[in-house]
Amino acid sequence: MLENWQLPLLMTFLAGLATIVGGFITFFVNKNNMKVLSLGLGFSAGVMIFVSLTEIMHSAQDLLKNYFPNNYPWMVFVGFIIGVVISKLIDTFVPDHVEEDLGEGCDFECKRTHRIKRAGLLTAIAIAVHNFPEGLGTFLVSSQDLTIGISVAIAIALHNIPEGIAVALPIYHATGKKRKAIWYSFWTGMTEPLGALIGLGLLSWFLPQMFIGFFLAAVVGIMIYIAFDTLLPLSHEYGDWHYAISGIMAGIIIIWASLLLLH
């Protein structure tokens, strides 16, 4: 059994808890301001696209390269396709059409609220799935070198803040409940210490890096699909492309700045 595992586990928990900081930003947002929602949805898309195509994609490649030195790009590609297929299946079984769920009397405002809430839920699921291996990695790095682990945990905590915003903002606009928005941002971050617990259990036996690499490639497909299929169309619908593009660029710039601390 790994000795001195308590501090790495605590660090991973605190890094995951940073998503709730993003959730608290909803306290300063006017629920009826559709321009802010448009910017926020674009921001969410920018965060998800950039993180997927840089951090997560590179992590998947690095992990799979050890097992498939000549074919790892194809393995990442296949994992990405599987993630897209999974997202399409989710899209099929959780459709945009709400008449059956909410009744024929559901008006335009009712349908809009449903779509915004759905976007928030899908974003929460995608980020929660992404944070799981992230927590696993933070714990493993911290358990081997505490100094490096602290810097990694701080950097991850910083870029978890915009991820918390990405989850909380659409949930708040859909429900009008700040507590619910903060709660969703909280549990998406809590998959990080869950990943750390899994890492603790596996460390004495083996680390399934091949599985994690393939899993990360699928996460890229899931997050890219959600960004283009759900977040960007809604961002355009509730503002215009100027707000959507501004939100996208803000998300990319902020998440990029936080990730620079990892290097």
C-alpha atoms as a PDB file:
ATOM      1  CA  MET A   1       0.000   0.000   0.000  1.00  0.00           C
ATOM      2  CA  LEU A   2       1.246   3.484  -0.864  1.00  0.00           C
ATOM      3  CA  GLU A   3       2.541   5.431   2.130  1.00  0.00           C
ATOM      4  CA  ASN A   4       1.752   9.116   2.726  1.00  0.00           C
ATOM      5  CA  TRP A   5      -1.218   9.059   0.378  1.00  0.00           C
ATOM      6  CA  GLN A   6      -3.354  11.429   2.457  1.00  0.00           C
ATOM      7  CA  LEU A   7      -1.810  14.702   1.246  1.00  0.00           C
ATOM      8  CA  PRO A   8      -1.984  13.823  -2.502  1.00  0.00           C
ATOM      9  CA  LEU A   9      -5.617  12.836  -2.011  1.00  0.00           C
ATOM     10  CA  LEU A  10      -6.367  16.120  -0.194  1.00  0.00           C
ATOM     11  CA  MET A  11      -4.658  18.121  -2.947  1.00  0.00           C
ATOM     12  CA  THR A  12      -6.740  16.399  -5.608  1.00  0.00           C
ATOM     13  CA  PHE A  13      -9.925  17.077  -3.646  1.00  0.00           C
ATOM     14  CA  LEU A  14      -9.095  20.781  -3.318  1.00  0.00           C
ATOM     15  CA  ALA A  15      -8.269  21.029  -7.029  1.00  0.00           C
ATOM     16  CA  GLY A  16     -11.644  19.486  -7.882  1.00  0.00           C
ATOM     17  CA  LEU A  17     -13.400  21.776  -5.421  1.00  0.00           C
ATOM     18  CA  ALA A  18     -12.272  24.782  -7.474  1.00  0.00           C
ATOM     19  CA  THR A  19     -15.168  24.197  -9.895  1.00  0.00           C
ATOM     20  CA  ILE A  20     -17.489  25.540  -7.209  1.00  0.00           C
ATOM     21  CA  VAL A  21     -15.680  28.905  -7.436  1.00  0.00           C
ATOM     22  CA  GLY A  22     -16.914  29.121 -11.020  1.00  0.00           C
ATOM     23  CA  GLY A  23     -20.372  28.192  -9.781  1.00  0.00           C
ATOM     24  CA  PHE A  24     -20.405  31.117  -7.361  1.00  0.00           C
ATOM     25  CA  ILE A  25     -19.937  33.519 -10.267  1.00  0.00           C
ATOM     26  CA  THR A  26     -23.639  32.928 -11.006  1.00  0.00           C
ATOM     27  CA  PHE A  27     -24.381  35.186  -8.012  1.00  0.00           C
ATOM     28  CA  PHE A  28     -23.217  38.129 -10.131  1.00  0.00           C
ATOM     29  CA  VAL A  29     -25.187  37.274 -13.281  1.00  0.00           C
ATOM     30  CA  ASN A  30     -28.619  38.637 -14.197  1.00  0.00           C
ATOM     31  CA  LYS A  31     -30.738  35.620 -15.076  1.00  0.00           C
ATOM     32  CA  ASN A  32     -32.738  37.509 -17.709  1.00  0.00           C
ATOM     33  CA  ASN A  33     -29.699  38.849 -19.563  1.00  0.00           C
ATOM     34  CA  MET A  34     -29.650  36.749 -22.720  1.00  0.00           C
ATOM     35  CA  LYS A  35     -26.461  38.428 -23.946  1.00  0.00           C
ATOM     36  CA  VAL A  36     -24.601  37.162 -20.908  1.00  0.00           C
ATOM     37  CA  LEU A  37     -26.020  33.700 -21.535  1.00  0.00           C
ATOM     38  CA  SER A  38     -24.865  33.863 -25.166  1.00  0.00           C
ATOM     39  CA  LEU A  39     -21.380  34.866 -24.041  1.00  0.00           C
ATOM     40  CA  GLY A  40     -21.410  32.174 -21.369  1.00  0.00           C
ATOM     41  CA  LEU A  41     -22.405  29.389 -23.751  1.00  0.00           C
ATOM     42  CA  GLY A  42     -19.725  30.521 -26.209  1.00  0.00           C
ATOM     43  CA  PHE A  43     -17.264  30.612 -23.305  1.00  0.00           C
ATOM     44  CA  SER A  44     -18.229  27.039 -22.408  1.00  0.00           C
ATOM     45  CA  ALA A  45     -17.688  25.904 -25.995  1.00  0.00           C
ATOM     46  CA  GLY A  46     -14.298  27.624 -26.156  1.00  0.00           C
ATOM     47  CA  VAL A  47     -13.158  25.947 -22.936  1.00  0.00           C
ATOM     48  CA  MET A  48     -14.302  22.509 -24.068  1.00  0.00           C
ATOM     49  CA  ILE A  49     -12.861  22.748 -27.593  1.00  0.00           C
ATOM     50  CA  PHE A  50      -9.461  24.063 -26.476  1.00  0.00           C
ATOM     51  CA  VAL A  51      -9.047  21.669 -23.543  1.00  0.00           C
ATOM     52  CA  SER A  52     -10.106  18.739 -25.724  1.00  0.00           C
ATOM     53  CA  LEU A  53      -7.791  19.431 -28.661  1.00  0.00           C
ATOM     54  CA  THR A  54      -4.758  20.342 -26.542  1.00  0.00           C
ATOM     55  CA  GLU A  55      -4.567  18.911 -23.033  1.00  0.00           C
ATOM     56  CA  ILE A  56      -6.795  15.846 -23.342  1.00  0.00           C
ATOM     57  CA  MET A  57      -5.721  14.891 -26.885  1.00  0.00           C
ATOM     58  CA  HIS A  58      -2.023  15.115 -25.987  1.00  0.00           C
ATOM     59  CA  SER A  59      -2.556  13.095 -22.814  1.00  0.00           C
ATOM     60  CA  ALA A  60      -4.299  10.365 -24.812  1.00  0.00           C
ATOM     61  CA  GLN A  61      -1.452  10.295 -27.341  1.00  0.00           C
ATOM     62  CA  ASP A  62       1.234  10.123 -24.661  1.00  0.00           C
ATOM     63  CA  LEU A  63      -0.466   7.246 -22.866  1.00  0.00           C
ATOM     64  CA  LEU A  64      -1.216   5.211 -26.000  1.00  0.00           C
ATOM     65  CA  LYS A  65       2.251   5.783 -27.488  1.00  0.00           C
ATOM     66  CA  ASN A  66       3.735   3.420 -24.895  1.00  0.00           C
ATOM     67  CA  TYR A  67       1.555   0.545 -26.108  1.00  0.00           C
ATOM     68  CA  PHE A  68       1.188   1.390 -29.807  1.00  0.00           C
ATOM     69  CA  PRO A  69       4.360   3.302 -30.792  1.00  0.00           C
ATOM     70  CA  ASN A  70       3.590   3.080 -34.510  1.00  0.00           C
ATOM     71  CA  ASN A  71      -0.209   3.147 -34.522  1.00  0.00           C
ATOM     72  CA  TYR A  72      -1.125   5.372 -31.579  1.00  0.00           C
ATOM     73  CA  PRO A  73      -2.474   8.204 -33.819  1.00  0.00           C
ATOM     74  CA  TRP A  74      -4.986   5.729 -35.250  1.00  0.00           C
ATOM     75  CA  MET A  75      -5.911   4.538 -31.745  1.00  0.00           C
ATOM     76  CA  VAL A  76      -6.613   8.133 -30.714  1.00  0.00           C
ATOM     77  CA  PHE A  77      -8.628   8.611 -33.889  1.00  0.00           C
ATOM     78  CA  VAL A  78     -10.723   5.505 -33.192  1.00  0.00           C
ATOM     79  CA  GLY A  79     -11.288   6.618 -29.603  1.00  0.00           C
ATOM     80  CA  PHE A  80     -12.422  10.034 -30.866  1.00  0.00           C
ATOM     81  CA  ILE A  81     -14.915   8.398 -33.262  1.00  0.00           C
ATOM     82  CA  ILE A  82     -16.275   6.244 -30.438  1.00  0.00           C
ATOM     83  CA  GLY A  83     -16.786   9.389 -28.347  1.00  0.00           C
ATOM     84  CA  VAL A  84     -18.693  11.036 -31.209  1.00  0.00           C
ATOM     85  CA  VAL A  85     -20.871   7.924 -31.599  1.00  0.00           C
ATOM     86  CA  ILE A  86     -21.585   7.897 -27.855  1.00  0.00           C
ATOM     87  CA  SER A  87     -22.596  11.560 -28.039  1.00  0.00           C
ATOM     88  CA  LYS A  88     -24.859  10.871 -30.992  1.00  0.00           C
ATOM     89  CA  LEU A  89     -26.544   8.050 -29.082  1.00  0.00           C
ATOM     90  CA  ILE A  90     -27.070  10.375 -26.113  1.00  0.00           C
ATOM     91  CA  ASP A  91     -28.495  12.944 -28.523  1.00  0.00           C
ATOM     92  CA  THR A  92     -30.871  10.314 -29.875  1.00  0.00           C
ATOM     93  CA  PHE A  93     -32.151   9.131 -26.513  1.00  0.00           C
ATOM     94  CA  VAL A  94     -32.227  12.615 -24.936  1.00  0.00           C
ATOM     95  CA  PRO A  95     -33.743  14.584 -27.836  1.00  0.00           C
ATOM     96  CA  ASP A  96     -34.173  18.326 -28.177  1.00  0.00           C
ATOM     97  CA  HIS A  97     -37.924  17.961 -28.733  1.00  0.00           C
ATOM     98  CA  VAL A  98     -39.739  18.441 -25.458  1.00  0.00           C
ATOM     99  CA  GLU A  99     -43.372  18.212 -26.443  1.00  0.00           C
ATOM    100  CA  GLU A 100     -43.669  14.597 -25.304  1.00  0.00           C
ATOM    101  CA  ASP A 101     -41.937  15.264 -21.998  1.00  0.00           C
ATOM    102  CA  LEU A 102     -43.563  18.570 -21.149  1.00  0.00           C
ATOM    103  CA  GLY A 103     -46.892  18.356 -22.926  1.00  0.00           C
ATOM    104  CA  GLU A 104     -48.324  20.044 -25.980  1.00  0.00           C
ATOM    105  CA  GLY A 105     -49.033  23.167 -23.954  1.00  0.00           C
ATOM    106  CA  CYS A 106     -45.355  23.926 -23.427  1.00  0.00           C
ATOM    107  CA  ASP A 107     -44.815  27.418 -24.858  1.00  0.00           C
ATOM    108  CA  PHE A 108     -41.691  28.921 -26.427  1.00  0.00           C
ATOM    109  CA  GLU A 109     -40.259  30.047 -23.084  1.00  0.00           C
ATOM    110  CA  CYS A 110     -40.801  26.570 -21.635  1.00  0.00           C
ATOM    111  CA  LYS A 111     -39.014  24.918 -24.562  1.00  0.00           C
ATOM    112  CA  ARG A 112     -36.157  27.415 -24.408  1.00  0.00           C
ATOM    113  CA  THR A 113     -35.665  26.745 -20.714  1.00  0.00           C
ATOM    114  CA  HIS A 114     -35.604  23.001 -21.364  1.00  0.00           C
ATOM    115  CA  ARG A 115     -32.947  23.347 -24.072  1.00  0.00           C
ATOM    116  CA  ILE A 116     -30.711  25.558 -21.946  1.00  0.00           C
ATOM    117  CA  LYS A 117     -30.972  23.153 -19.018  1.00  0.00           C
ATOM    118  CA  ARG A 118     -30.171  20.220 -21.309  1.00  0.00           C
ATOM    119  CA  ALA A 119     -27.066  22.042 -22.548  1.00  0.00           C
ATOM    120  CA  GLY A 120     -25.947  22.570 -18.964  1.00  0.00           C
ATOM    121  CA  LEU A 121     -26.515  18.929 -18.037  1.00  0.00           C
ATOM    122  CA  LEU A 122     -24.584  17.638 -21.052  1.00  0.00           C
ATOM    123  CA  THR A 123     -21.737  20.034 -20.289  1.00  0.00           C
ATOM    124  CA  ALA A 124     -21.705  18.868 -16.664  1.00  0.00           C
ATOM    125  CA  ILE A 125     -21.515  15.214 -17.736  1.00  0.00           C
ATOM    126  CA  ALA A 126     -18.706  15.871 -20.224  1.00  0.00           C
ATOM    127  CA  ILE A 127     -16.618  17.874 -17.749  1.00  0.00           C
ATOM    128  CA  ALA A 128     -17.228  15.336 -14.971  1.00  0.00           C
ATOM    129  CA  VAL A 129     -15.988  12.551 -17.255  1.00  0.00           C
ATOM    130  CA  HIS A 130     -12.943  14.655 -18.179  1.00  0.00           C
ATOM    131  CA  ASN A 131     -12.143  15.453 -14.543  1.00  0.00           C
ATOM    132  CA  PHE A 132     -12.047  11.780 -13.534  1.00  0.00           C
ATOM    133  CA  PRO A 133      -8.751  10.883 -15.296  1.00  0.00           C
ATOM    134  CA  GLU A 134      -7.477  14.368 -14.472  1.00  0.00           C
ATOM    135  CA  GLY A 135      -7.878  13.565 -10.785  1.00  0.00           C
ATOM    136  CA  LEU A 136      -6.207  10.214 -11.327  1.00  0.00           C
ATOM    137  CA  GLY A 137      -3.228  11.930 -12.959  1.00  0.00           C
ATOM    138  CA  THR A 138      -2.943  14.601 -10.250  1.00  0.00           C
ATOM    139  CA  PHE A 139      -2.901  11.978  -7.526  1.00  0.00           C
ATOM    140  CA  LEU A 140      -0.307   9.823  -9.272  1.00  0.00           C
ATOM    141  CA  VAL A 141       2.020  12.773  -9.927  1.00  0.00           C
ATOM    142  CA  SER A 142       1.648  14.009  -6.339  1.00  0.00           C
ATOM    143  CA  SER A 143       2.312  10.572  -4.896  1.00  0.00           C
ATOM    144  CA  GLN A 144       5.609  10.354  -6.801  1.00  0.00           C
ATOM    145  CA  ASP A 145       6.843  13.964  -6.403  1.00  0.00           C
ATOM    146  CA  LEU A 146       4.952  16.196  -3.984  1.00  0.00           C
ATOM    147  CA  THR A 147       6.613  19.414  -5.197  1.00  0.00           C
ATOM    148  CA  ILE A 148       5.580  18.855  -8.800  1.00  0.00           C
ATOM    149  CA  GLY A 149       2.198  17.615  -7.627  1.00  0.00           C
ATOM    150  CA  ILE A 150       1.485  20.887  -5.818  1.00  0.00           C
ATOM    151  CA  SER A 151       2.139  22.939  -8.963  1.00  0.00           C
ATOM    152  CA  VAL A 152      -0.018  20.595 -11.035  1.00  0.00           C
ATOM    153  CA  ALA A 153      -2.844  20.749  -8.486  1.00  0.00           C
ATOM    154  CA  ILE A 154      -2.756  24.566  -8.421  1.00  0.00           C
ATOM    155  CA  ALA A 155      -2.831  24.770 -12.218  1.00  0.00           C
ATOM    156  CA  ILE A 156      -5.712  22.296 -12.432  1.00  0.00           C
ATOM    157  CA  ALA A 157      -7.612  24.216  -9.749  1.00  0.00           C
ATOM    158  CA  LEU A 158      -7.216  27.417 -11.783  1.00  0.00           C
ATOM    159  CA  HIS A 159      -8.543  25.923 -14.983  1.00  0.00           C
ATOM    160  CA  ASN A 160     -11.350  24.185 -13.086  1.00  0.00           C
ATOM    161  CA  ILE A 161     -12.799  27.632 -12.336  1.00  0.00           C
ATOM    162  CA  PRO A 162     -13.862  28.355 -15.947  1.00  0.00           C
ATOM    163  CA  GLU A 163     -15.115  24.769 -16.180  1.00  0.00           C
ATOM    164  CA  GLY A 164     -17.342  25.492 -13.169  1.00  0.00           C
ATOM    165  CA  ILE A 165     -18.671  28.567 -14.975  1.00  0.00           C
ATOM    166  CA  ALA A 166     -19.356  26.458 -18.074  1.00  0.00           C
ATOM    167  CA  VAL A 167     -21.552  24.125 -16.027  1.00  0.00           C
ATOM    168  CA  ALA A 168     -23.267  26.583 -13.678  1.00  0.00           C
ATOM    169  CA  LEU A 169     -24.281  29.387 -16.040  1.00  0.00           C
ATOM    170  CA  PRO A 170     -26.734  27.480 -18.279  1.00  0.00           C
ATOM    171  CA  ILE A 171     -28.171  25.615 -15.274  1.00  0.00           C
ATOM    172  CA  TYR A 172     -28.802  28.935 -13.510  1.00  0.00           C
ATOM    173  CA  HIS A 173     -30.439  30.497 -16.574  1.00  0.00           C
ATOM    174  CA  ALA A 174     -32.685  27.456 -17.029  1.00  0.00           C
ATOM    175  CA  THR A 175     -33.781  27.042 -13.406  1.00  0.00           C
ATOM    176  CA  GLY A 176     -33.205  30.459 -11.813  1.00  0.00           C
ATOM    177  CA  LYS A 177     -31.756  28.590  -8.808  1.00  0.00           C
ATOM    178  CA  LYS A 178     -28.242  29.583  -7.841  1.00  0.00           C
ATOM    179  CA  ARG A 179     -27.918  26.757  -5.340  1.00  0.00           C
ATOM    180  CA  LYS A 180     -28.679  24.183  -8.013  1.00  0.00           C
ATOM    181  CA  ALA A 181     -26.129  25.763 -10.386  1.00  0.00           C
ATOM    182  CA  ILE A 182     -23.480  25.689  -7.670  1.00  0.00           C
ATOM    183  CA  TRP A 183     -24.373  22.112  -6.766  1.00  0.00           C
ATOM    184  CA  TYR A 184     -23.868  20.929 -10.350  1.00  0.00           C
ATOM    185  CA  SER A 185     -20.525  22.724 -10.558  1.00  0.00           C
ATOM    186  CA  PHE A 186     -19.574  21.055  -7.274  1.00  0.00           C
ATOM    187  CA  TRP A 187     -20.266  17.458  -8.265  1.00  0.00           C
ATOM    188  CA  THR A 188     -18.507  17.793 -11.630  1.00  0.00           C
ATOM    189  CA  GLY A 189     -15.360  18.687  -9.701  1.00  0.00           C
ATOM    190  CA  MET A 190     -15.816  15.831  -7.245  1.00  0.00           C
ATOM    191  CA  THR A 191     -15.059  13.259  -9.935  1.00  0.00           C
ATOM    192  CA  GLU A 192     -11.415  14.332  -9.532  1.00  0.00           C
ATOM    193  CA  PRO A 193     -11.000  12.932  -5.992  1.00  0.00           C
ATOM    194  CA  LEU A 194     -12.963   9.892  -7.206  1.00  0.00           C
ATOM    195  CA  GLY A 195     -10.252   9.414  -9.832  1.00  0.00           C
ATOM    196  CA  ALA A 196      -7.646   9.812  -7.088  1.00  0.00           C
ATOM    197  CA  LEU A 197      -9.293   7.057  -5.039  1.00  0.00           C
ATOM    198  CA  ILE A 198      -9.218   4.772  -8.061  1.00  0.00           C
ATOM    199  CA  GLY A 199      -5.549   5.649  -8.524  1.00  0.00           C
ATOM    200  CA  LEU A 200      -4.851   4.767  -4.901  1.00  0.00           C
ATOM    201  CA  GLY A 201      -6.474   1.389  -5.373  1.00  0.00           C
ATOM    202  CA  LEU A 202      -4.603   0.660  -8.603  1.00  0.00           C
ATOM    203  CA  LEU A 203      -1.189   1.932  -7.592  1.00  0.00           C
ATOM    204  CA  SER A 204      -0.242  -1.234  -5.733  1.00  0.00           C
ATOM    205  CA  TRP A 205      -1.217  -3.385  -8.709  1.00  0.00           C
ATOM    206  CA  PHE A 206      -1.041  -1.788 -12.139  1.00  0.00           C
ATOM    207  CA  LEU A 207      -1.980   1.392 -13.959  1.00  0.00           C
ATOM    208  CA  PRO A 208      -4.173   0.694 -16.998  1.00  0.00           C
ATOM    209  CA  GLN A 209      -2.616   3.481 -19.073  1.00  0.00           C
ATOM    210  CA  MET A 210      -3.792   1.930 -22.332  1.00  0.00           C
ATOM    211  CA  PHE A 211      -7.409   2.021 -21.149  1.00  0.00           C
ATOM    212  CA  ILE A 212      -7.071   5.561 -19.797  1.00  0.00           C
ATOM    213  CA  GLY A 213      -5.524   6.789 -23.064  1.00  0.00           C
ATOM    214  CA  PHE A 214      -8.340   5.321 -25.127  1.00  0.00           C
ATOM    215  CA  PHE A 215     -10.871   6.682 -22.648  1.00  0.00           C
ATOM    216  CA  LEU A 216      -9.395  10.187 -22.947  1.00  0.00           C
ATOM    217  CA  ALA A 217      -9.589  10.054 -26.747  1.00  0.00           C
ATOM    218  CA  ALA A 218     -13.299   9.223 -26.454  1.00  0.00           C
ATOM    219  CA  VAL A 219     -13.752  12.168 -24.068  1.00  0.00           C
ATOM    220  CA  VAL A 220     -12.342  14.452 -26.781  1.00  0.00           C
ATOM    221  CA  GLY A 221     -15.027  13.234 -29.188  1.00  0.00           C
ATOM    222  CA  ILE A 222     -17.765  13.721 -26.600  1.00  0.00           C
ATOM    223  CA  MET A 223     -16.710  17.256 -25.679  1.00  0.00           C
ATOM    224  CA  ILE A 224     -16.192  18.426 -29.286  1.00  0.00           C
ATOM    225  CA  TYR A 225     -19.614  17.043 -30.278  1.00  0.00           C
ATOM    226  CA  ILE A 226     -21.384  18.796 -27.402  1.00  0.00           C
ATOM    227  CA  ALA A 227     -19.602  22.083 -28.140  1.00  0.00           C
ATOM    228  CA  PHE A 228     -20.610  22.143 -31.811  1.00  0.00           C
ATOM    229  CA  ASP A 229     -23.986  20.447 -31.574  1.00  0.00           C
ATOM    230  CA  THR A 230     -25.406  22.105 -28.466  1.00  0.00           C
ATOM    231  CA  LEU A 231     -23.432  24.994 -27.002  1.00  0.00           C
ATOM    232  CA  LEU A 232     -22.585  26.998 -30.133  1.00  0.00           C
ATOM    233  CA  PRO A 233     -26.088  26.867 -31.711  1.00  0.00           C
ATOM    234  CA  LEU A 234     -27.630  27.987 -28.404  1.00  0.00           C
ATOM    235  CA  SER A 235     -25.041  30.741 -28.021  1.00  0.00           C
ATOM    236  CA  HIS A 236     -25.992  32.081 -31.455  1.00  0.00           C
ATOM    237  CA  GLU A 237     -29.711  31.715 -30.770  1.00  0.00           C
ATOM    238  CA  TYR A 238     -29.696  33.776 -27.569  1.00  0.00           C
ATOM    239  CA  GLY A 239     -27.362  36.499 -28.821  1.00  0.00           C
ATOM    240  CA  ASP A 240     -25.619  36.672 -32.164  1.00  0.00           C
ATOM    241  CA  TRP A 241     -22.372  35.386 -33.631  1.00  0.00           C
ATOM    242  CA  HIS A 242     -20.464  38.385 -32.255  1.00  0.00           C
ATOM    243  CA  TYR A 243     -21.356  37.361 -28.702  1.00  0.00           C
ATOM    244  CA  ALA A 244     -20.749  33.690 -29.473  1.00  0.00           C
ATOM    245  CA  ILE A 245     -17.296  34.349 -30.960  1.00  0.00           C
ATOM    246  CA  SER A 246     -16.394  36.718 -28.113  1.00  0.00           C
ATOM    247  CA  GLY A 247     -17.357  34.015 -25.603  1.00  0.00           C
ATOM    248  CA  ILE A 248     -15.365  31.372 -27.485  1.00  0.00           C
ATOM    249  CA  MET A 249     -12.230  33.518 -27.593  1.00  0.00           C
ATOM    250  CA  ALA A 250     -12.577  34.471 -23.912  1.00  0.00           C
ATOM    251  CA  GLY A 251     -12.891  30.780 -22.979  1.00  0.00           C
ATOM    252  CA  ILE A 252      -9.820  29.846 -25.032  1.00  0.00           C
ATOM    253  CA  ILE A 253      -7.680  32.686 -23.689  1.00  0.00           C
ATOM    254  CA  ILE A 254      -8.578  32.083 -20.029  1.00  0.00           C
ATOM    255  CA  ILE A 255      -8.201  28.299 -20.146  1.00  0.00           C
ATOM    256  CA  TRP A 256      -4.946  28.627 -22.136  1.00  0.00           C
ATOM    257  CA  ALA A 257      -3.500  30.999 -19.542  1.00  0.00           C
ATOM    258  CA  SER A 258      -4.349  28.570 -16.742  1.00  0.00           C
ATOM    259  CA  LEU A 259      -2.856  25.600 -18.594  1.00  0.00           C
ATOM    260  CA  LEU A 260       0.440  27.424 -19.116  1.00  0.00           C
ATOM    261  CA  LEU A 261       1.082  26.876 -15.408  1.00  0.00           C
ATOM    262  CA  LEU A 262       1.297  23.158 -16.102  1.00  0.00           C
ATOM    263  CA  HIS A 263       4.494  23.650 -18.096  1.00  0.00           C
END
